[in-house]
């Protein structure tokens, strides 16, 4: 789930509750933004993960294309999945329409709907 600092942390908490998580991740957009608001949000998310997913390791990537590498550094794969990719369960962007022109929400697992700008 991607959301800006204007969105309440309860959005994330609601999606974490009652589920088993193998790992958690806080993206570079939060970690790399050098200001007090982003730092406080990073701390709040870290605390929330510790509370609602206490046994899940945290992984850190430097962009969308490094996410798989970040996961495999901390999560042991039980088999070679080169020819058997995992299943996308969901991808969600939350943003006030007055701020974001477009958001992407994929809840049906169709990875073809998810694209990233490499620039």
PDB file of N, CA and C in Angstrom:
ATOM      1  N   UNK A   1       0.838  -1.165   0.000  1.00  0.00           N
ATOM      2  CA  UNK A   1       0.000   0.000   0.000  1.00  0.00           C
ATOM      3  C   UNK A   1       0.891   1.238   0.000  1.00  0.00           C
ATOM      4  N   UNK A   2       0.582   2.162  -0.857  1.00  0.00           N
ATOM      5  CA  UNK A   2       1.277   3.433  -0.922  1.00  0.00           C
ATOM      6  C   UNK A   2       0.299   4.523  -0.499  1.00  0.00           C
ATOM      7  N   UNK A   3       0.759   5.397   0.388  1.00  0.00           N
ATOM      8  CA  UNK A   3      -0.073   6.533   0.755  1.00  0.00           C
ATOM      9  C   UNK A   3       0.811   7.673   1.214  1.00  0.00           C
ATOM     10  N   UNK A   4       0.327   8.884   1.061  1.00  0.00           N
ATOM     11  CA  UNK A   4       1.079  10.052   1.478  1.00  0.00           C
ATOM     12  C   UNK A   4       0.875  10.361   2.949  1.00  0.00           C
ATOM     13  N   UNK A   5       1.648  11.303   3.466  1.00  0.00           N
ATOM     14  CA  UNK A   5       1.556  11.648   4.886  1.00  0.00           C
ATOM     15  C   UNK A   5       0.237  12.306   5.267  1.00  0.00           C
ATOM     16  N   UNK A   6      -0.517  12.766   4.271  1.00  0.00           N
ATOM     17  CA  UNK A   6      -1.818  13.380   4.561  1.00  0.00           C
ATOM     18  C   UNK A   6      -2.891  12.342   4.871  1.00  0.00           C
ATOM     19  N   UNK A   7      -2.600  11.075   4.541  1.00  0.00           N
ATOM     20  CA  UNK A   7      -3.539   9.985   4.798  1.00  0.00           C
ATOM     21  C   UNK A   7      -3.293   9.420   6.200  1.00  0.00           C
ATOM     22  N   UNK A   8      -4.341   9.021   6.916  1.00  0.00           N
ATOM     23  CA  UNK A   8      -4.154   8.534   8.289  1.00  0.00           C
ATOM     24  C   UNK A   8      -3.449   7.183   8.346  1.00  0.00           C
ATOM     25  N   UNK A   9      -2.650   6.996   9.384  1.00  0.00           N
ATOM     26  CA  UNK A   9      -1.940   5.748   9.592  1.00  0.00           C
ATOM     27  C   UNK A   9      -2.920   4.591   9.834  1.00  0.00           C
ATOM     28  N   UNK A  10      -4.120   4.909  10.245  1.00  0.00           N
ATOM     29  CA  UNK A  10      -5.131   3.864  10.482  1.00  0.00           C
ATOM     30  C   UNK A  10      -5.461   3.089   9.205  1.00  0.00           C
ATOM     31  N   UNK A  11      -5.256   3.694   8.023  1.00  0.00           N
ATOM     32  CA  UNK A  11      -5.451   2.949   6.763  1.00  0.00           C
ATOM     33  C   UNK A  11      -4.551   1.723   6.738  1.00  0.00           C
ATOM     34  N   UNK A  12      -3.289   1.927   7.088  1.00  0.00           N
ATOM     35  CA  UNK A  12      -2.324   0.832   7.106  1.00  0.00           C
ATOM     36  C   UNK A  12      -2.661  -0.158   8.229  1.00  0.00           C
ATOM     37  N   UNK A  13      -2.974   0.344   9.385  1.00  0.00           N
ATOM     38  CA  UNK A  13      -3.313  -0.520  10.524  1.00  0.00           C
ATOM     39  C   UNK A  13      -4.494  -1.428  10.189  1.00  0.00           C
ATOM     40  N   UNK A  14      -5.495  -0.885   9.533  1.00  0.00           N
ATOM     41  CA  UNK A  14      -6.680  -1.675   9.173  1.00  0.00           C
ATOM     42  C   UNK A  14      -6.316  -2.836   8.250  1.00  0.00           C
ATOM     43  N   UNK A  15      -5.360  -2.618   7.358  1.00  0.00           N
ATOM     44  CA  UNK A  15      -4.975  -3.671   6.408  1.00  0.00           C
ATOM     45  C   UNK A  15      -4.032  -4.706   7.040  1.00  0.00           C
ATOM     46  N   UNK A  16      -3.323  -4.316   8.093  1.00  0.00           N
ATOM     47  CA  UNK A  16      -2.412  -5.237   8.769  1.00  0.00           C
ATOM     48  C   UNK A  16      -3.121  -6.171   9.749  1.00  0.00           C
ATOM     49  N   UNK A  17      -4.157  -5.687  10.378  1.00  0.00           N
ATOM     50  CA  UNK A  17      -4.817  -6.420  11.465  1.00  0.00           C
ATOM     51  C   UNK A  17      -5.364  -7.769  11.009  1.00  0.00           C
ATOM     52  N   UNK A  18      -5.139  -8.775  11.852  1.00  0.00           N
ATOM     53  CA  UNK A  18      -5.748 -10.080  11.651  1.00  0.00           C
ATOM     54  C   UNK A  18      -5.151 -10.930  10.550  1.00  0.00           C
ATOM     55  N   UNK A  19      -3.973 -10.549  10.053  1.00  0.00           N
ATOM     56  CA  UNK A  19      -3.333 -11.314   8.983  1.00  0.00           C
ATOM     57  C   UNK A  19      -1.924 -11.688   9.403  1.00  0.00           C
ATOM     58  N   UNK A  20      -1.429 -12.803   8.866  1.00  0.00           N
ATOM     59  CA  UNK A  20      -0.035 -13.190   9.070  1.00  0.00           C
ATOM     60  C   UNK A  20       0.803 -12.523   7.988  1.00  0.00           C
ATOM     61  N   UNK A  21       1.907 -11.906   8.390  1.00  0.00           N
ATOM     62  CA  UNK A  21       2.789 -11.240   7.438  1.00  0.00           C
ATOM     63  C   UNK A  21       4.154 -11.896   7.477  1.00  0.00           C
ATOM     64  N   UNK A  22       4.686 -12.274   6.306  1.00  0.00           N
ATOM     65  CA  UNK A  22       6.015 -12.874   6.220  1.00  0.00           C
ATOM     66  C   UNK A  22       7.108 -11.815   6.264  1.00  0.00           C
ATOM     67  N   UNK A  23       6.792 -10.595   5.883  1.00  0.00           N
ATOM     68  CA  UNK A  23       7.731  -9.484   5.972  1.00  0.00           C
ATOM     69  C   UNK A  23       6.948  -8.187   5.860  1.00  0.00           C
ATOM     70  N   UNK A  24       7.592  -7.095   6.233  1.00  0.00           N
ATOM     71  CA  UNK A  24       7.039  -5.756   6.047  1.00  0.00           C
ATOM     72  C   UNK A  24       8.092  -4.927   5.325  1.00  0.00           C
ATOM     73  N   UNK A  25       7.670  -3.829   4.737  1.00  0.00           N
ATOM     74  CA  UNK A  25       8.607  -2.981   4.015  1.00  0.00           C
ATOM     75  C   UNK A  25       8.165  -1.528   4.088  1.00  0.00           C
ATOM     76  N   UNK A  26       9.128  -0.651   4.266  1.00  0.00           N
ATOM     77  CA  UNK A  26       8.884   0.794   4.200  1.00  0.00           C
ATOM     78  C   UNK A  26       9.756   1.303   3.064  1.00  0.00           C
ATOM     79  N   UNK A  27       9.131   1.867   2.054  1.00  0.00           N
ATOM     80  CA  UNK A  27       9.844   2.279   0.848  1.00  0.00           C
ATOM     81  C   UNK A  27      10.735   3.496   1.032  1.00  0.00           C
ATOM     82  N   UNK A  28      11.597   3.686   0.065  1.00  0.00           N
ATOM     83  CA  UNK A  28      12.557   4.784   0.116  1.00  0.00           C
ATOM     84  C   UNK A  28      11.869   6.147   0.058  1.00  0.00           C
ATOM     85  N   UNK A  29      10.672   6.205  -0.476  1.00  0.00           N
ATOM     86  CA  UNK A  29       9.931   7.468  -0.509  1.00  0.00           C
ATOM     87  C   UNK A  29       9.676   8.024   0.878  1.00  0.00           C
ATOM     88  N   UNK A  30       9.556   7.154   1.860  1.00  0.00           N
ATOM     89  CA  UNK A  30       9.400   7.581   3.254  1.00  0.00           C
ATOM     90  C   UNK A  30      10.770   7.710   3.913  1.00  0.00           C
ATOM     91  N   UNK A  31      11.610   6.713   3.720  1.00  0.00           N
ATOM     92  CA  UNK A  31      12.908   6.682   4.400  1.00  0.00           C
ATOM     93  C   UNK A  31      13.863   7.752   3.891  1.00  0.00           C
ATOM     94  N   UNK A  32      13.811   8.070   2.608  1.00  0.00           N
ATOM     95  CA  UNK A  32      14.794   8.956   2.008  1.00  0.00           C
ATOM     96  C   UNK A  32      14.397  10.417   1.949  1.00  0.00           C
ATOM     97  N   UNK A  33      13.232  10.752   2.429  1.00  0.00           N
ATOM     98  CA  UNK A  33      12.754  12.127   2.355  1.00  0.00           C
ATOM     99  C   UNK A  33      13.193  12.853   3.621  1.00  0.00           C
ATOM    100  N   UNK A  34      14.120  13.773   3.501  1.00  0.00           N
ATOM    101  CA  UNK A  34      14.770  14.386   4.658  1.00  0.00           C
ATOM    102  C   UNK A  34      13.970  15.554   5.240  1.00  0.00           C
ATOM    103  N   UNK A  35      12.918  15.214   5.982  1.00  0.00           N
ATOM    104  CA  UNK A  35      12.230  16.249   6.746  1.00  0.00           C
ATOM    105  C   UNK A  35      11.535  15.618   7.951  1.00  0.00           C
ATOM    106  N   UNK A  36      11.100  16.430   8.867  1.00  0.00           N
ATOM    107  CA  UNK A  36      10.505  15.950  10.107  1.00  0.00           C
ATOM    108  C   UNK A  36       9.227  15.163   9.911  1.00  0.00           C
ATOM    109  N   UNK A  37       8.394  15.558   8.962  1.00  0.00           N
ATOM    110  CA  UNK A  37       7.133  14.855   8.717  1.00  0.00           C
ATOM    111  C   UNK A  37       7.397  13.426   8.252  1.00  0.00           C
ATOM    112  N   UNK A  38       8.316  13.259   7.310  1.00  0.00           N
ATOM    113  CA  UNK A  38       8.632  11.925   6.798  1.00  0.00           C
ATOM    114  C   UNK A  38       9.305  11.067   7.870  1.00  0.00           C
ATOM    115  N   UNK A  39      10.186  11.677   8.655  1.00  0.00           N
ATOM    116  CA  UNK A  39      10.859  10.927   9.721  1.00  0.00           C
ATOM    117  C   UNK A  39       9.857  10.456  10.763  1.00  0.00           C
ATOM    118  N   UNK A  40       8.938  11.305  11.137  1.00  0.00           N
ATOM    119  CA  UNK A  40       7.907  10.918  12.105  1.00  0.00           C
ATOM    120  C   UNK A  40       7.028   9.812  11.529  1.00  0.00           C
ATOM    121  N   UNK A  41       6.686   9.917  10.245  1.00  0.00           N
ATOM    122  CA  UNK A  41       5.867   8.868   9.619  1.00  0.00           C
ATOM    123  C   UNK A  41       6.629   7.548   9.576  1.00  0.00           C
ATOM    124  N   UNK A  42       7.936   7.597   9.275  1.00  0.00           N
ATOM    125  CA  UNK A  42       8.767   6.396   9.281  1.00  0.00           C
ATOM    126  C   UNK A  42       8.736   5.745  10.665  1.00  0.00           C
ATOM    127  N   UNK A  43       8.904   6.533  11.704  1.00  0.00           N
ATOM    128  CA  UNK A  43       8.857   6.005  13.073  1.00  0.00           C
ATOM    129  C   UNK A  43       7.488   5.406  13.385  1.00  0.00           C
ATOM    130  N   UNK A  44       6.423   6.093  12.995  1.00  0.00           N
ATOM    131  CA  UNK A  44       5.067   5.613  13.264  1.00  0.00           C
ATOM    132  C   UNK A  44       4.789   4.284  12.559  1.00  0.00           C
ATOM    133  N   UNK A  45       5.228   4.173  11.302  1.00  0.00           N
ATOM    134  CA  UNK A  45       5.028   2.929  10.549  1.00  0.00           C
ATOM    135  C   UNK A  45       5.854   1.802  11.172  1.00  0.00           C
ATOM    136  N   UNK A  46       7.096   2.099  11.540  1.00  0.00           N
ATOM    137  CA  UNK A  46       7.950   1.085  12.175  1.00  0.00           C
ATOM    138  C   UNK A  46       7.312   0.579  13.462  1.00  0.00           C
ATOM    139  N   UNK A  47       6.805   1.470  14.275  1.00  0.00           N
ATOM    140  CA  UNK A  47       6.136   1.085  15.521  1.00  0.00           C
ATOM    141  C   UNK A  47       4.904   0.235  15.222  1.00  0.00           C
ATOM    142  N   UNK A  48       4.117   0.642  14.232  1.00  0.00           N
ATOM    143  CA  UNK A  48       2.911  -0.097  13.858  1.00  0.00           C
ATOM    144  C   UNK A  48       3.252  -1.510  13.391  1.00  0.00           C
ATOM    145  N   UNK A  49       4.287  -1.645  12.567  1.00  0.00           N
ATOM    146  CA  UNK A  49       4.718  -2.981  12.136  1.00  0.00           C
ATOM    147  C   UNK A  49       5.128  -3.828  13.336  1.00  0.00           C
ATOM    148  N   UNK A  50       5.854  -3.239  14.279  1.00  0.00           N
ATOM    149  CA  UNK A  50       6.264  -3.964  15.475  1.00  0.00           C
ATOM    150  C   UNK A  50       5.086  -4.413  16.312  1.00  0.00           C
ATOM    151  N   UNK A  51       4.036  -3.622  16.317  1.00  0.00           N
ATOM    152  CA  UNK A  51       2.834  -3.942  17.085  1.00  0.00           C
ATOM    153  C   UNK A  51       1.955  -4.981  16.391  1.00  0.00           C
ATOM    154  N   UNK A  52       1.743  -4.829  15.080  1.00  0.00           N
ATOM    155  CA  UNK A  52       0.767  -5.665  14.371  1.00  0.00           C
ATOM    156  C   UNK A  52       1.390  -6.810  13.561  1.00  0.00           C
ATOM    157  N   UNK A  53       2.691  -6.771  13.351  1.00  0.00           N
ATOM    158  CA  UNK A  53       3.394  -7.855  12.645  1.00  0.00           C
ATOM    159  C   UNK A  53       4.731  -8.092  13.355  1.00  0.00           C
ATOM    160  N   UNK A  54       4.687  -8.439  14.644  1.00  0.00           N
ATOM    161  CA  UNK A  54       5.909  -8.455  15.457  1.00  0.00           C
ATOM    162  C   UNK A  54       6.963  -9.474  15.042  1.00  0.00           C
ATOM    163  N   UNK A  55       6.588 -10.549  14.379  1.00  0.00           N
ATOM    164  CA  UNK A  55       7.580 -11.553  13.993  1.00  0.00           C
ATOM    165  C   UNK A  55       8.062 -11.395  12.556  1.00  0.00           C
ATOM    166  N   UNK A  56       7.501 -10.463  11.826  1.00  0.00           N
ATOM    167  CA  UNK A  56       7.860 -10.264  10.414  1.00  0.00           C
ATOM    168  C   UNK A  56       9.116  -9.399  10.294  1.00  0.00           C
ATOM    169  N   UNK A  57      10.125  -9.879   9.565  1.00  0.00           N
ATOM    170  CA  UNK A  57      11.292  -9.024   9.342  1.00  0.00           C
ATOM    171  C   UNK A  57      10.917  -7.850   8.435  1.00  0.00           C
ATOM    172  N   UNK A  58      11.635  -6.754   8.587  1.00  0.00           N
ATOM    173  CA  UNK A  58      11.437  -5.598   7.709  1.00  0.00           C
ATOM    174  C   UNK A  58      12.473  -5.638   6.603  1.00  0.00           C
ATOM    175  N   UNK A  59      12.057  -5.315   5.388  1.00  0.00           N
ATOM    176  CA  UNK A  59      12.963  -5.253   4.252  1.00  0.00           C
ATOM    177  C   UNK A  59      12.939  -3.832   3.692  1.00  0.00           C
ATOM    178  N   UNK A  60      14.058  -3.446   3.085  1.00  0.00           N
ATOM    179  CA  UNK A  60      14.177  -2.084   2.574  1.00  0.00           C
ATOM    180  C   UNK A  60      14.752  -2.112   1.170  1.00  0.00           C
ATOM    181  N   UNK A  61      14.030  -1.521   0.243  1.00  0.00           N
ATOM    182  CA  UNK A  61      14.476  -1.433  -1.140  1.00  0.00           C
ATOM    183  C   UNK A  61      14.829   0.011  -1.457  1.00  0.00           C
ATOM    184  N   UNK A  62      15.404   0.247  -2.631  1.00  0.00           N
ATOM    185  CA  UNK A  62      15.717   1.611  -3.046  1.00  0.00           C
ATOM    186  C   UNK A  62      14.868   2.037  -4.235  1.00  0.00           C
ATOM    187  N   UNK A  63      13.893   1.224  -4.596  1.00  0.00           N
ATOM    188  CA  UNK A  63      12.968   1.553  -5.666  1.00  0.00           C
ATOM    189  C   UNK A  63      12.160   0.326  -6.037  1.00  0.00           C
ATOM    190  N   UNK A  64      11.132   0.489  -6.839  1.00  0.00           N
ATOM    191  CA  UNK A  64      10.253  -0.625  -7.190  1.00  0.00           C
ATOM    192  C   UNK A  64      10.969  -1.825  -7.800  1.00  0.00           C
ATOM    193  N   UNK A  65      12.015  -1.585  -8.569  1.00  0.00           N
ATOM    194  CA  UNK A  65      12.681  -2.698  -9.236  1.00  0.00           C
ATOM    195  C   UNK A  65      13.622  -3.473  -8.313  1.00  0.00           C
ATOM    196  N   UNK A  66      13.903  -2.973  -7.115  1.00  0.00           N
ATOM    197  CA  UNK A  66      14.786  -3.678  -6.180  1.00  0.00           C
ATOM    198  C   UNK A  66      14.014  -4.383  -5.072  1.00  0.00           C
ATOM    199  N   UNK A  67      12.706  -4.404  -5.178  1.00  0.00           N
ATOM    200  CA  UNK A  67      11.882  -4.985  -4.116  1.00  0.00           C
ATOM    201  C   UNK A  67      12.136  -6.484  -3.929  1.00  0.00           C
ATOM    202  N   UNK A  68      12.185  -7.237  -5.011  1.00  0.00           N
ATOM    203  CA  UNK A  68      12.408  -8.688  -4.906  1.00  0.00           C
ATOM    204  C   UNK A  68      13.758  -8.979  -4.259  1.00  0.00           C
ATOM    205  N   UNK A  69      14.772  -8.223  -4.625  1.00  0.00           N
ATOM    206  CA  UNK A  69      16.094  -8.398  -4.025  1.00  0.00           C
ATOM    207  C   UNK A  69      16.033  -8.136  -2.512  1.00  0.00           C
ATOM    208  N   UNK A  70      15.321  -7.104  -2.120  1.00  0.00           N
ATOM    209  CA  UNK A  70      15.194  -6.784  -0.697  1.00  0.00           C
ATOM    210  C   UNK A  70      14.503  -7.913   0.063  1.00  0.00           C
ATOM    211  N   UNK A  71      13.471  -8.472  -0.520  1.00  0.00           N
ATOM    212  CA  UNK A  71      12.735  -9.561   0.135  1.00  0.00           C
ATOM    213  C   UNK A  71      13.629 -10.777   0.300  1.00  0.00           C
ATOM    214  N   UNK A  72      14.336 -11.163  -0.747  1.00  0.00           N
ATOM    215  CA  UNK A  72      15.133 -12.393  -0.677  1.00  0.00           C
ATOM    216  C   UNK A  72      16.342 -12.243   0.254  1.00  0.00           C
ATOM    217  N   UNK A  73      16.736 -11.030   0.598  1.00  0.00           N
ATOM    218  CA  UNK A  73      17.801 -10.848   1.592  1.00  0.00           C
ATOM    219  C   UNK A  73      17.349 -11.284   2.981  1.00  0.00           C
ATOM    220  N   UNK A  74      16.053 -11.174   3.282  1.00  0.00           N
ATOM    221  CA  UNK A  74      15.546 -11.432   4.634  1.00  0.00           C
ATOM    222  C   UNK A  74      14.572 -12.603   4.744  1.00  0.00           C
ATOM    223  N   UNK A  75      13.995 -13.012   3.636  1.00  0.00           N
ATOM    224  CA  UNK A  75      12.994 -14.080   3.666  1.00  0.00           C
ATOM    225  C   UNK A  75      13.550 -15.289   2.924  1.00  0.00           C
ATOM    226  N   UNK A  76      13.679 -16.396   3.630  1.00  0.00           N
ATOM    227  CA  UNK A  76      14.223 -17.614   3.026  1.00  0.00           C
ATOM    228  C   UNK A  76      13.186 -18.223   2.080  1.00  0.00           C
ATOM    229  N   UNK A  77      13.578 -18.417   0.842  1.00  0.00           N
ATOM    230  CA  UNK A  77      12.708 -19.070  -0.123  1.00  0.00           C
ATOM    231  C   UNK A  77      12.903 -20.574  -0.004  1.00  0.00           C
ATOM    232  N   UNK A  78      11.823 -21.325  -0.011  1.00  0.00           N
ATOM    233  CA  UNK A  78      11.920 -22.772   0.155  1.00  0.00           C
ATOM    234  C   UNK A  78      12.267 -23.498  -1.131  1.00  0.00           C
ATOM    235  N   UNK A  79      12.165 -22.802  -2.266  1.00  0.00           N
ATOM    236  CA  UNK A  79      12.506 -23.411  -3.548  1.00  0.00           C
ATOM    237  C   UNK A  79      12.855 -22.324  -4.545  1.00  0.00           C
ATOM    238  N   UNK A  80      13.490 -22.710  -5.651  1.00  0.00           N
ATOM    239  CA  UNK A  80      13.806 -21.776  -6.725  1.00  0.00           C
ATOM    240  C   UNK A  80      12.497 -21.414  -7.428  1.00  0.00           C
ATOM    241  N   UNK A  81      12.163 -20.145  -7.398  1.00  0.00           N
ATOM    242  CA  UNK A  81      10.885 -19.735  -7.988  1.00  0.00           C
ATOM    243  C   UNK A  81      11.077 -18.929  -9.275  1.00  0.00           C
ATOM    244  N   UNK A  82      12.210 -19.114  -9.940  1.00  0.00           N
ATOM    245  CA  UNK A  82      12.484 -18.391 -11.177  1.00  0.00           C
ATOM    246  C   UNK A  82      11.367 -18.584 -12.191  1.00  0.00           C
ATOM    247  N   UNK A  83      10.912 -19.820 -12.347  1.00  0.00           N
ATOM    248  CA  UNK A  83       9.857 -20.105 -13.318  1.00  0.00           C
ATOM    249  C   UNK A  83       8.479 -20.195 -12.675  1.00  0.00           C
ATOM    250  N   UNK A  84       8.392 -19.886 -11.391  1.00  0.00           N
ATOM    251  CA  UNK A  84       7.120 -19.939 -10.665  1.00  0.00           C
ATOM    252  C   UNK A  84       6.994 -18.682  -9.805  1.00  0.00           C
ATOM    253  N   UNK A  85       6.743 -17.544 -10.423  1.00  0.00           N
ATOM    254  CA  UNK A  85       6.673 -16.315  -9.634  1.00  0.00           C
ATOM    255  C   UNK A  85       5.522 -16.367  -8.629  1.00  0.00           C
ATOM    256  N   UNK A  86       5.686 -15.606  -7.561  1.00  0.00           N
ATOM    257  CA  UNK A  86       4.647 -15.539  -6.537  1.00  0.00           C
ATOM    258  C   UNK A  86       3.384 -14.882  -7.061  1.00  0.00           C
ATOM    259  N   UNK A  87       2.404 -14.833  -6.228  1.00  0.00           N
ATOM    260  CA  UNK A  87       1.112 -14.267  -6.604  1.00  0.00           C
ATOM    261  C   UNK A  87       0.955 -12.889  -5.976  1.00  0.00           C
ATOM    262  N   UNK A  88       0.609 -11.912  -6.780  1.00  0.00           N
ATOM    263  CA  UNK A  88       0.303 -10.583  -6.284  1.00  0.00           C
ATOM    264  C   UNK A  88      -1.073 -10.641  -5.635  1.00  0.00           C
ATOM    265  N   UNK A  89      -1.123 -10.366  -4.351  1.00  0.00           N
ATOM    266  CA  UNK A  89      -2.405 -10.388  -3.651  1.00  0.00           C
ATOM    267  C   UNK A  89      -3.119  -9.058  -3.770  1.00  0.00           C
ATOM    268  N   UNK A  90      -2.366  -7.982  -3.746  1.00  0.00           N
ATOM    269  CA  UNK A  90      -2.992  -6.677  -3.865  1.00  0.00           C
ATOM    270  C   UNK A  90      -1.955  -5.577  -3.908  1.00  0.00           C
ATOM    271  N   UNK A  91      -2.314  -4.482  -4.501  1.00  0.00           N
ATOM    272  CA  UNK A  91      -1.481  -3.297  -4.595  1.00  0.00           C
ATOM    273  C   UNK A  91      -2.438  -2.124  -4.500  1.00  0.00           C
ATOM    274  N   UNK A  92      -2.122  -1.175  -3.641  1.00  0.00           N
ATOM    275  CA  UNK A  92      -3.073  -0.096  -3.414  1.00  0.00           C
ATOM    276  C   UNK A  92      -2.345   1.221  -3.209  1.00  0.00           C
ATOM    277  N   UNK A  93      -2.835   2.259  -3.844  1.00  0.00           N
ATOM    278  CA  UNK A  93      -2.342   3.613  -3.638  1.00  0.00           C
ATOM    279  C   UNK A  93      -3.489   4.438  -3.076  1.00  0.00           C
ATOM    280  N   UNK A  94      -3.251   5.101  -1.965  1.00  0.00           N
ATOM    281  CA  UNK A  94      -4.256   5.970  -1.364  1.00  0.00           C
ATOM    282  C   UNK A  94      -3.761   7.407  -1.444  1.00  0.00           C
ATOM    283  N   UNK A  95      -4.542   8.242  -2.079  1.00  0.00           N
ATOM    284  CA  UNK A  95      -4.140   9.635  -2.242  1.00  0.00           C
ATOM    285  C   UNK A  95      -5.383  10.481  -2.486  1.00  0.00           C
ATOM    286  N   UNK A  96      -5.440  11.609  -1.824  1.00  0.00           N
ATOM    287  CA  UNK A  96      -6.546  12.537  -2.021  1.00  0.00           C
ATOM    288  C   UNK A  96      -6.583  12.949  -3.490  1.00  0.00           C
ATOM    289  N   UNK A  97      -7.735  12.837  -4.155  1.00  0.00           N
ATOM    290  CA  UNK A  97      -7.829  13.179  -5.585  1.00  0.00           C
ATOM    291  C   UNK A  97      -7.405  14.612  -5.907  1.00  0.00           C
ATOM    292  N   UNK A  98      -7.460  15.504  -4.925  1.00  0.00           N
ATOM    293  CA  UNK A  98      -7.021  16.877  -5.187  1.00  0.00           C
ATOM    294  C   UNK A  98      -5.500  16.972  -5.261  1.00  0.00           C
ATOM    295  N   UNK A  99      -4.804  15.921  -4.816  1.00  0.00           N
ATOM    296  CA  UNK A  99      -3.340  15.895  -4.837  1.00  0.00           C
ATOM    297  C   UNK A  99      -2.828  15.002  -5.964  1.00  0.00           C
ATOM    298  N   UNK A 100      -3.436  13.827  -6.112  1.00  0.00           N
ATOM    299  CA  UNK A 100      -2.965  12.838  -7.090  1.00  0.00           C
ATOM    300  C   UNK A 100      -3.883  12.790  -8.296  1.00  0.00           C
ATOM    301  N   UNK A 101      -3.286  12.901  -9.470  1.00  0.00           N
ATOM    302  CA  UNK A 101      -4.051  12.831 -10.707  1.00  0.00           C
ATOM    303  C   UNK A 101      -4.574  11.419 -10.959  1.00  0.00           C
ATOM    304  N   UNK A 102      -3.754  10.398 -10.593  1.00  0.00           N
ATOM    305  CA  UNK A 102      -4.107   9.015 -10.875  1.00  0.00           C
ATOM    306  C   UNK A 102      -3.625   8.136  -9.731  1.00  0.00           C
ATOM    307  N   UNK A 103      -4.394   7.140  -9.379  1.00  0.00           N
ATOM    308  CA  UNK A 103      -3.948   6.127  -8.426  1.00  0.00           C
ATOM    309  C   UNK A 103      -4.210   4.752  -9.033  1.00  0.00           C
ATOM    310  N   UNK A 104      -3.467   3.764  -8.566  1.00  0.00           N
ATOM    311  CA  UNK A 104      -3.609   2.394  -9.037  1.00  0.00           C
ATOM    312  C   UNK A 104      -4.035   1.517  -7.877  1.00  0.00           C
ATOM    313  N   UNK A 105      -5.067   0.731  -8.077  1.00  0.00           N
ATOM    314  CA  UNK A 105      -5.507  -0.226  -7.070  1.00  0.00           C
ATOM    315  C   UNK A 105      -5.757  -1.550  -7.768  1.00  0.00           C
ATOM    316  N   UNK A 106      -5.024  -2.575  -7.335  1.00  0.00           N
ATOM    317  CA  UNK A 106      -5.164  -3.906  -7.913  1.00  0.00           C
ATOM    318  C   UNK A 106      -5.518  -4.859  -6.781  1.00  0.00           C
ATOM    319  N   UNK A 107      -6.700  -5.363  -6.797  1.00  0.00           N
ATOM    320  CA  UNK A 107      -7.132  -6.270  -5.751  1.00  0.00           C
ATOM    321  C   UNK A 107      -7.432  -7.661  -6.292  1.00  0.00           C
ATOM    322  N   UNK A 108      -7.267  -7.839  -7.624  1.00  0.00           N
ATOM    323  CA  UNK A 108      -7.580  -9.141  -8.226  1.00  0.00           C
ATOM    324  C   UNK A 108      -6.331  -9.953  -8.573  1.00  0.00           C
ATOM    325  N   UNK A 109      -5.138  -9.442  -8.211  1.00  0.00           N
ATOM    326  CA  UNK A 109      -3.907 -10.184  -8.450  1.00  0.00           C
ATOM    327  C   UNK A 109      -3.350 -10.091  -9.859  1.00  0.00           C
ATOM    328  N   UNK A 110      -3.899  -9.244 -10.711  1.00  0.00           N
ATOM    329  CA  UNK A 110      -3.448  -9.142 -12.100  1.00  0.00           C
ATOM    330  C   UNK A 110      -2.227  -8.228 -12.195  1.00  0.00           C
ATOM    331  N   UNK A 111      -1.032  -8.827 -12.162  1.00  0.00           N
ATOM    332  CA  UNK A 111       0.220  -8.083 -12.170  1.00  0.00           C
ATOM    333  C   UNK A 111       0.410  -7.263 -13.440  1.00  0.00           C
ATOM    334  N   UNK A 112      -0.224  -7.642 -14.524  1.00  0.00           N
ATOM    335  CA  UNK A 112      -0.088  -6.889 -15.772  1.00  0.00           C
ATOM    336  C   UNK A 112      -0.632  -5.471 -15.649  1.00  0.00           C
ATOM    337  N   UNK A 113      -1.483  -5.233 -14.658  1.00  0.00           N
ATOM    338  CA  UNK A 113      -2.036  -3.905 -14.454  1.00  0.00           C
ATOM    339  C   UNK A 113      -1.057  -2.979 -13.728  1.00  0.00           C
ATOM    340  N   UNK A 114       0.019  -3.554 -13.185  1.00  0.00           N
ATOM    341  CA  UNK A 114       0.976  -2.793 -12.392  1.00  0.00           C
ATOM    342  C   UNK A 114       2.196  -2.459 -13.232  1.00  0.00           C
ATOM    343  N   UNK A 115       2.441  -1.179 -13.451  1.00  0.00           N
ATOM    344  CA  UNK A 115       3.612  -0.753 -14.204  1.00  0.00           C
ATOM    345  C   UNK A 115       4.308   0.344 -13.420  1.00  0.00           C
ATOM    346  N   UNK A 116       5.620   0.453 -13.569  1.00  0.00           N
ATOM    347  CA  UNK A 116       6.397   1.495 -12.911  1.00  0.00           C
ATOM    348  C   UNK A 116       7.180   2.258 -13.942  1.00  0.00           C
ATOM    349  N   UNK A 117       7.319   3.552 -13.713  1.00  0.00           N
ATOM    350  CA  UNK A 117       8.163   4.382 -14.548  1.00  0.00           C
ATOM    351  C   UNK A 117       9.591   4.192 -14.049  1.00  0.00           C
ATOM    352  N   UNK A 118      10.488   3.697 -14.882  1.00  0.00           N
ATOM    353  CA  UNK A 118      11.857   3.404 -14.482  1.00  0.00           C
ATOM    354  C   UNK A 118      12.701   4.671 -14.317  1.00  0.00           C
ATOM    355  N   UNK A 119      12.221   5.832 -14.760  1.00  0.00           N
ATOM    356  CA  UNK A 119      13.019   7.065 -14.680  1.00  0.00           C
ATOM    357  C   UNK A 119      13.006   7.655 -13.307  1.00  0.00           C
TER     358      UNK A 119
END
